[in-house]
Structures are given as C-alpha cells and as structure tokens.
Amino acid sequence: MESGRHFLHLHIGEGKGKTTAAVGMVIRAAGWNWSVLFCQFLKSSQSGELRALGMLKDRVTLFRPAMRHKAFIWEQNPQQREETRADLEQGWNQIVKMVDNQNFDMIVLDEILDVLHLGLIPEGQVYNLVRQVPAEWVLTGRTASRSLLEQADYITRMDPVKHPFQKGIKARQGIEF
C-alpha cells in the first residue's frame, strides 16, 4: 500500500448493502495486493461474500468470533446475551492480537457498530485500535455514535427505499447472503 494518510470509513443505515460495500472495498484492495483483515460480528451462517473472500485467502484473512448462540441478539435471553458478550470480547481480543502481529493495509469490522451500540464491546477499545493502527479502516452497522461520526473520513448511509422484505419475502441466497 502506498504511504500516506489512512482513513476511517463508516457504512451505516437500515438498508441493504453495508457489508456488500465493504466486501467490494476488500476485493478492490486485494486486487492491488493489499493485505486485508475482514472480521465479521453477529453473523453465524455461511454467506456468499465469505465464500468469495475465502478464494482470496492469499491477500484476505477472514475472522469471525466463535459464538455459542446462533440466534439473533434480540432473540436471546439475558444469559445468552451475556454469553454472546463474553464470546465477542474474546473475539475482540483475538483481533487485537492479529492486528498487533501482522501488518494489514485494510481492516474491516463488519457489524461492529451494532456491537458497540448494544454495549457488547466498549467503544473506547475499538476507537483506540483504529487510532493507533495505521490502516484503512471500514466499520459497518446500522448506527454509529456521535464520536465515531465526527472522527470518520467517509460516511455512507444505506437507507431502504423499497425492498422485497417489506412484502414478506425472505432473504435470498446469492442476493442478501
């Protein structure tokens, strides 16, 4: 990667496309021989994007924290939610070690903004790592704190205008996952 300033990108909003946009950035970076760390939070099922990024394993490192519970966070009871918090904290510590031990040109934290919004990982830990590690950072999720919004160099908002889900059509393989 060429030297120079590194930027913080936020992909936020209620609409489809935040992860897709981040994956597009990863593919572009890998095409220029950048080393990329792609971390995905709060998702446990297989997806087309992970399968595709797995084909770029010489340039892209994939990581998902090990999760005991596969249910959506809002469907978990208090004990499950606490276990999920502990799983995410352990996963975050693994990410910090990876970032400390390897030079990545780009680091994607997919759905981390939702993790922060739910208080599952302290925002200060994430913000400190972003500030300390020179890389192109991409954070996704529905919403971001005022502090992160102020620090971001790029903010892209994805808002749904029309989506088949509004008609009761479930997520489709190859399109939504």
C-alpha atoms as a PDB file:
ATOM      1  CA  MET A   1       0.000   0.000   0.000  1.00  0.00           C
ATOM      2  CA  GLU A   2       1.249   3.481  -0.747  1.00  0.00           C
ATOM      3  CA  SER A   3       2.223   5.521   2.270  1.00  0.00           C
ATOM      4  CA  GLY A   4       0.067   8.393   3.353  1.00  0.00           C
ATOM      5  CA  ARG A   5      -2.913   9.123   5.495  1.00  0.00           C
ATOM      6  CA  HIS A   6      -5.199   6.258   6.359  1.00  0.00           C
ATOM      7  CA  PHE A   7      -8.925   6.813   6.554  1.00  0.00           C
ATOM      8  CA  LEU A   8     -11.910   5.687   8.614  1.00  0.00           C
ATOM      9  CA  HIS A   9     -14.963   4.614   6.601  1.00  0.00           C
ATOM     10  CA  LEU A  10     -18.411   4.093   8.145  1.00  0.00           C
ATOM     11  CA  HIS A  11     -21.171   2.252   6.274  1.00  0.00           C
ATOM     12  CA  ILE A  12     -24.352   2.864   8.272  1.00  0.00           C
ATOM     13  CA  GLY A  13     -28.129   2.768   7.908  1.00  0.00           C
ATOM     14  CA  GLU A  14     -31.132   0.480   7.940  1.00  0.00           C
ATOM     15  CA  GLY A  15     -30.761  -0.512   4.297  1.00  0.00           C
ATOM     16  CA  LYS A  16     -29.177  -3.427   2.491  1.00  0.00           C
ATOM     17  CA  GLY A  17     -25.646  -3.086   1.185  1.00  0.00           C
ATOM     18  CA  LYS A  18     -23.327  -2.174   4.074  1.00  0.00           C
ATOM     19  CA  THR A  19     -21.495  -5.495   4.079  1.00  0.00           C
ATOM     20  CA  THR A  20     -21.641  -5.661   0.289  1.00  0.00           C
ATOM     21  CA  ALA A  21     -19.952  -2.257   0.021  1.00  0.00           C
ATOM     22  CA  ALA A  22     -17.261  -3.342   2.483  1.00  0.00           C
ATOM     23  CA  VAL A  23     -16.675  -6.563   0.525  1.00  0.00           C
ATOM     24  CA  GLY A  24     -16.314  -4.511  -2.647  1.00  0.00           C
ATOM     25  CA  MET A  25     -13.618  -2.443  -0.954  1.00  0.00           C
ATOM     26  CA  VAL A  26     -11.850  -5.645   0.141  1.00  0.00           C
ATOM     27  CA  ILE A  27     -11.880  -7.017  -3.409  1.00  0.00           C
ATOM     28  CA  ARG A  28     -10.539  -3.748  -4.790  1.00  0.00           C
ATOM     29  CA  ALA A  29      -7.777  -3.632  -2.144  1.00  0.00           C
ATOM     30  CA  ALA A  30      -6.834  -7.282  -2.735  1.00  0.00           C
ATOM     31  CA  GLY A  31      -6.635  -6.505  -6.446  1.00  0.00           C
ATOM     32  CA  TRP A  32      -3.870  -4.033  -5.602  1.00  0.00           C
ATOM     33  CA  ASN A  33      -2.076  -6.614  -3.419  1.00  0.00           C
ATOM     34  CA  TRP A  34      -3.139  -5.081  -0.129  1.00  0.00           C
ATOM     35  CA  SER A  35      -3.238  -7.302   2.931  1.00  0.00           C
ATOM     36  CA  VAL A  36      -6.776  -7.245   4.348  1.00  0.00           C
ATOM     37  CA  LEU A  37      -8.320  -8.420   7.618  1.00  0.00           C
ATOM     38  CA  PHE A  38     -12.086  -8.961   7.292  1.00  0.00           C
ATOM     39  CA  CYS A  39     -13.797  -9.503  10.660  1.00  0.00           C
ATOM     40  CA  GLN A  40     -17.498 -10.229  10.881  1.00  0.00           C
ATOM     41  CA  PHE A  41     -19.554  -9.869  14.050  1.00  0.00           C
ATOM     42  CA  LEU A  42     -23.072 -11.058  14.933  1.00  0.00           C
ATOM     43  CA  LYS A  43     -23.311 -13.296  11.870  1.00  0.00           C
ATOM     44  CA  SER A  44     -23.016 -17.052  12.127  1.00  0.00           C
ATOM     45  CA  SER A  45     -24.367 -18.524   8.902  1.00  0.00           C
ATOM     46  CA  GLN A  46     -22.427 -19.109   5.700  1.00  0.00           C
ATOM     47  CA  SER A  47     -22.708 -16.345   3.136  1.00  0.00           C
ATOM     48  CA  GLY A  48     -21.738 -15.806  -0.471  1.00  0.00           C
ATOM     49  CA  GLU A  49     -19.418 -12.959   0.445  1.00  0.00           C
ATOM     50  CA  LEU A  50     -17.406 -15.114   2.868  1.00  0.00           C
ATOM     51  CA  ARG A  51     -17.188 -17.898   0.299  1.00  0.00           C
ATOM     52  CA  ALA A  52     -15.922 -15.418  -2.307  1.00  0.00           C
ATOM     53  CA  LEU A  53     -13.449 -13.759   0.056  1.00  0.00           C
ATOM     54  CA  GLY A  54     -12.180 -17.215   1.006  1.00  0.00           C
ATOM     55  CA  MET A  55     -10.977 -17.532  -2.590  1.00  0.00           C
ATOM     56  CA  LEU A  56      -8.678 -14.556  -1.925  1.00  0.00           C
ATOM     57  CA  LYS A  57      -7.008 -16.134   1.104  1.00  0.00           C
ATOM     58  CA  ASP A  58      -3.535 -15.177  -0.082  1.00  0.00           C
ATOM     59  CA  ARG A  59      -4.493 -11.499   0.452  1.00  0.00           C
ATOM     60  CA  VAL A  60      -7.544 -11.639   2.764  1.00  0.00           C
ATOM     61  CA  THR A  61      -7.671 -13.004   6.312  1.00  0.00           C
ATOM     62  CA  LEU A  62     -11.208 -13.869   7.459  1.00  0.00           C
ATOM     63  CA  PHE A  63     -12.222 -13.909  11.104  1.00  0.00           C
ATOM     64  CA  ARG A  64     -15.478 -14.416  12.978  1.00  0.00           C
ATOM     65  CA  PRO A  65     -15.540 -14.626  16.774  1.00  0.00           C
ATOM     66  CA  ALA A  66     -16.656 -18.082  17.936  1.00  0.00           C
ATOM     67  CA  MET A  67     -20.276 -17.748  19.054  1.00  0.00           C
ATOM     68  CA  ARG A  68     -22.140 -20.168  21.317  1.00  0.00           C
ATOM     69  CA  HIS A  69     -25.536 -18.901  20.189  1.00  0.00           C
ATOM     70  CA  LYS A  70     -26.727 -18.686  16.589  1.00  0.00           C
ATOM     71  CA  ALA A  71     -29.961 -16.780  17.356  1.00  0.00           C
ATOM     72  CA  PHE A  72     -30.147 -13.084  16.554  1.00  0.00           C
ATOM     73  CA  ILE A  73     -29.028 -10.968  19.506  1.00  0.00           C
ATOM     74  CA  TRP A  74     -32.524  -9.501  20.008  1.00  0.00           C
ATOM     75  CA  GLU A  75     -33.939 -13.057  20.306  1.00  0.00           C
ATOM     76  CA  GLN A  76     -31.510 -14.084  23.070  1.00  0.00           C
ATOM     77  CA  ASN A  77     -32.456 -14.290  26.737  1.00  0.00           C
ATOM     78  CA  PRO A  78     -30.304 -12.382  29.268  1.00  0.00           C
ATOM     79  CA  GLN A  79     -27.984 -15.344  29.968  1.00  0.00           C
ATOM     80  CA  GLN A  80     -27.427 -15.996  26.254  1.00  0.00           C
ATOM     81  CA  ARG A  81     -26.803 -12.318  25.652  1.00  0.00           C
ATOM     82  CA  GLU A  82     -24.166 -12.250  28.404  1.00  0.00           C
ATOM     83  CA  GLU A  83     -22.507 -15.323  26.892  1.00  0.00           C
ATOM     84  CA  THR A  84     -22.572 -13.604  23.497  1.00  0.00           C
ATOM     85  CA  ARG A  85     -20.952 -10.538  25.057  1.00  0.00           C
ATOM     86  CA  ALA A  86     -18.199 -12.753  26.519  1.00  0.00           C
ATOM     87  CA  ASP A  87     -17.727 -14.501  23.143  1.00  0.00           C
ATOM     88  CA  LEU A  88     -17.433 -11.137  21.371  1.00  0.00           C
ATOM     89  CA  GLU A  89     -14.980  -9.839  23.963  1.00  0.00           C
ATOM     90  CA  GLN A  90     -12.804 -12.919  23.489  1.00  0.00           C
ATOM     91  CA  GLY A  91     -13.062 -12.488  19.714  1.00  0.00           C
ATOM     92  CA  TRP A  92     -12.112  -8.820  20.004  1.00  0.00           C
ATOM     93  CA  ASN A  93      -9.010  -9.781  21.975  1.00  0.00           C
ATOM     94  CA  GLN A  94      -8.055 -12.194  19.166  1.00  0.00           C
ATOM     95  CA  ILE A  95      -8.481  -9.394  16.620  1.00  0.00           C
ATOM     96  CA  VAL A  96      -6.228  -7.097  18.645  1.00  0.00           C
ATOM     97  CA  LYS A  97      -3.557  -9.826  18.682  1.00  0.00           C
ATOM     98  CA  MET A  98      -3.849 -10.357  14.927  1.00  0.00           C
ATOM     99  CA  VAL A  99      -3.535  -6.627  14.281  1.00  0.00           C
ATOM    100  CA  ASP A 100      -0.545  -6.409  16.646  1.00  0.00           C
ATOM    101  CA  ASN A 101       1.223  -9.349  14.974  1.00  0.00           C
ATOM    102  CA  GLN A 102       0.602  -8.629  11.304  1.00  0.00           C
ATOM    103  CA  ASN A 103       0.578  -5.516   9.141  1.00  0.00           C
ATOM    104  CA  PHE A 104      -2.774  -5.139   7.420  1.00  0.00           C
ATOM    105  CA  ASP A 105      -3.378  -2.410   4.864  1.00  0.00           C
ATOM    106  CA  MET A 106      -7.150  -2.583   5.359  1.00  0.00           C
ATOM    107  CA  ILE A 107      -9.184  -3.773   8.336  1.00  0.00           C
ATOM    108  CA  VAL A 108     -12.933  -4.333   8.028  1.00  0.00           C
ATOM    109  CA  LEU A 109     -15.060  -4.701  11.158  1.00  0.00           C
ATOM    110  CA  ASP A 110     -18.415  -5.773   9.739  1.00  0.00           C
ATOM    111  CA  GLU A 111     -21.374  -5.131  12.097  1.00  0.00           C
ATOM    112  CA  ILE A 112     -19.050  -3.747  14.786  1.00  0.00           C
ATOM    113  CA  LEU A 113     -21.154  -0.593  15.021  1.00  0.00           C
ATOM    114  CA  ASP A 114     -24.126  -2.682  16.172  1.00  0.00           C
ATOM    115  CA  VAL A 115     -21.898  -4.456  18.699  1.00  0.00           C
ATOM    116  CA  LEU A 116     -20.853  -1.051  20.056  1.00  0.00           C
ATOM    117  CA  HIS A 117     -24.411   0.304  20.045  1.00  0.00           C
ATOM    118  CA  LEU A 118     -25.547  -2.701  22.103  1.00  0.00           C
ATOM    119  CA  GLY A 119     -22.670  -2.186  24.558  1.00  0.00           C
ATOM    120  CA  LEU A 120     -21.218  -5.640  23.914  1.00  0.00           C
ATOM    121  CA  ILE A 121     -17.684  -4.264  23.462  1.00  0.00           C
ATOM    122  CA  PRO A 122     -16.592  -0.874  24.857  1.00  0.00           C
ATOM    123  CA  GLU A 123     -16.348   1.696  22.067  1.00  0.00           C
ATOM    124  CA  GLY A 124     -13.128   3.068  23.553  1.00  0.00           C
ATOM    125  CA  GLN A 125     -11.313  -0.198  22.819  1.00  0.00           C
ATOM    126  CA  VAL A 126     -12.303  -0.096  19.160  1.00  0.00           C
ATOM    127  CA  TYR A 127     -11.638   3.609  18.785  1.00  0.00           C
ATOM    128  CA  ASN A 128      -8.175   3.304  20.369  1.00  0.00           C
ATOM    129  CA  LEU A 129      -7.189   0.498  17.999  1.00  0.00           C
ATOM    130  CA  VAL A 130      -8.434   2.462  14.981  1.00  0.00           C
ATOM    131  CA  ARG A 131      -6.397   5.487  16.095  1.00  0.00           C
ATOM    132  CA  GLN A 132      -3.245   3.507  16.876  1.00  0.00           C
ATOM    133  CA  VAL A 133      -3.031   1.181  13.876  1.00  0.00           C
ATOM    134  CA  PRO A 134      -2.247   2.766  10.502  1.00  0.00           C
ATOM    135  CA  ALA A 135      -4.640   1.049   8.118  1.00  0.00           C
ATOM    136  CA  GLU A 136      -7.673   1.822   6.029  1.00  0.00           C
ATOM    137  CA  TRP A 137     -10.500   1.051   8.484  1.00  0.00           C
ATOM    138  CA  VAL A 138     -14.028   0.098   7.410  1.00  0.00           C
ATOM    139  CA  LEU A 139     -16.730  -0.211  10.079  1.00  0.00           C
ATOM    140  CA  THR A 140     -20.304  -1.243   9.312  1.00  0.00           C
ATOM    141  CA  GLY A 141     -23.581  -1.341  11.200  1.00  0.00           C
ATOM    142  CA  ARG A 142     -26.937   0.365  11.483  1.00  0.00           C
ATOM    143  CA  THR A 143     -25.830   3.328  13.565  1.00  0.00           C
ATOM    144  CA  ALA A 144     -22.684   4.994  14.863  1.00  0.00           C
ATOM    145  CA  SER A 145     -22.026   7.135  17.905  1.00  0.00           C
ATOM    146  CA  ARG A 146     -21.583  10.876  17.526  1.00  0.00           C
ATOM    147  CA  SER A 147     -17.896  10.435  18.381  1.00  0.00           C
ATOM    148  CA  LEU A 148     -17.286   7.944  15.560  1.00  0.00           C
ATOM    149  CA  LEU A 149     -19.317  10.046  13.127  1.00  0.00           C
ATOM    150  CA  GLU A 150     -17.110  13.034  13.957  1.00  0.00           C
ATOM    151  CA  GLN A 151     -13.889  11.026  13.514  1.00  0.00           C
ATOM    152  CA  ALA A 152     -14.892   9.328  10.250  1.00  0.00           C
ATOM    153  CA  ASP A 153     -13.436  10.441   6.941  1.00  0.00           C
ATOM    154  CA  TYR A 154     -16.127   8.701   4.875  1.00  0.00           C
ATOM    155  CA  ILE A 155     -19.730   8.117   5.928  1.00  0.00           C
ATOM    156  CA  THR A 156     -22.072   6.257   3.610  1.00  0.00           C
ATOM    157  CA  ARG A 157     -25.697   5.821   4.655  1.00  0.00           C
ATOM    158  CA  MET A 158     -27.711   2.932   3.229  1.00  0.00           C
ATOM    159  CA  ASP A 159     -31.431   3.572   3.606  1.00  0.00           C
ATOM    160  CA  PRO A 160     -34.160   1.294   2.268  1.00  0.00           C
ATOM    161  CA  VAL A 161     -36.488   2.876  -0.240  1.00  0.00           C
ATOM    162  CA  LYS A 162     -38.093  -0.326  -1.471  1.00  0.00           C
ATOM    163  CA  HIS A 163     -37.230  -3.918  -0.579  1.00  0.00           C
ATOM    164  CA  PRO A 164     -38.998  -7.288  -1.093  1.00  0.00           C
ATOM    165  CA  PHE A 165     -38.709  -7.921   2.678  1.00  0.00           C
ATOM    166  CA  GLN A 166     -41.445  -5.289   3.083  1.00  0.00           C
ATOM    167  CA  LYS A 167     -43.728  -7.705   1.185  1.00  0.00           C
ATOM    168  CA  GLY A 168     -42.741 -10.649   3.385  1.00  0.00           C
ATOM    169  CA  ILE A 169     -40.146 -12.109   1.018  1.00  0.00           C
ATOM    170  CA  LYS A 170     -37.303 -13.653   2.993  1.00  0.00           C
ATOM    171  CA  ALA A 171     -33.587 -13.131   2.343  1.00  0.00           C
ATOM    172  CA  ARG A 172     -32.446 -14.951  -0.786  1.00  0.00           C
ATOM    173  CA  GLN A 173     -29.198 -16.869  -1.273  1.00  0.00           C
ATOM    174  CA  GLY A 174     -26.883 -15.060  -3.668  1.00  0.00           C
ATOM    175  CA  ILE A 175     -28.702 -11.740  -3.175  1.00  0.00           C
ATOM    176  CA  GLU A 176     -28.977 -10.988   0.549  1.00  0.00           C
ATOM    177  CA  PHE A 177     -26.492 -13.584   1.779  1.00  0.00           C
END
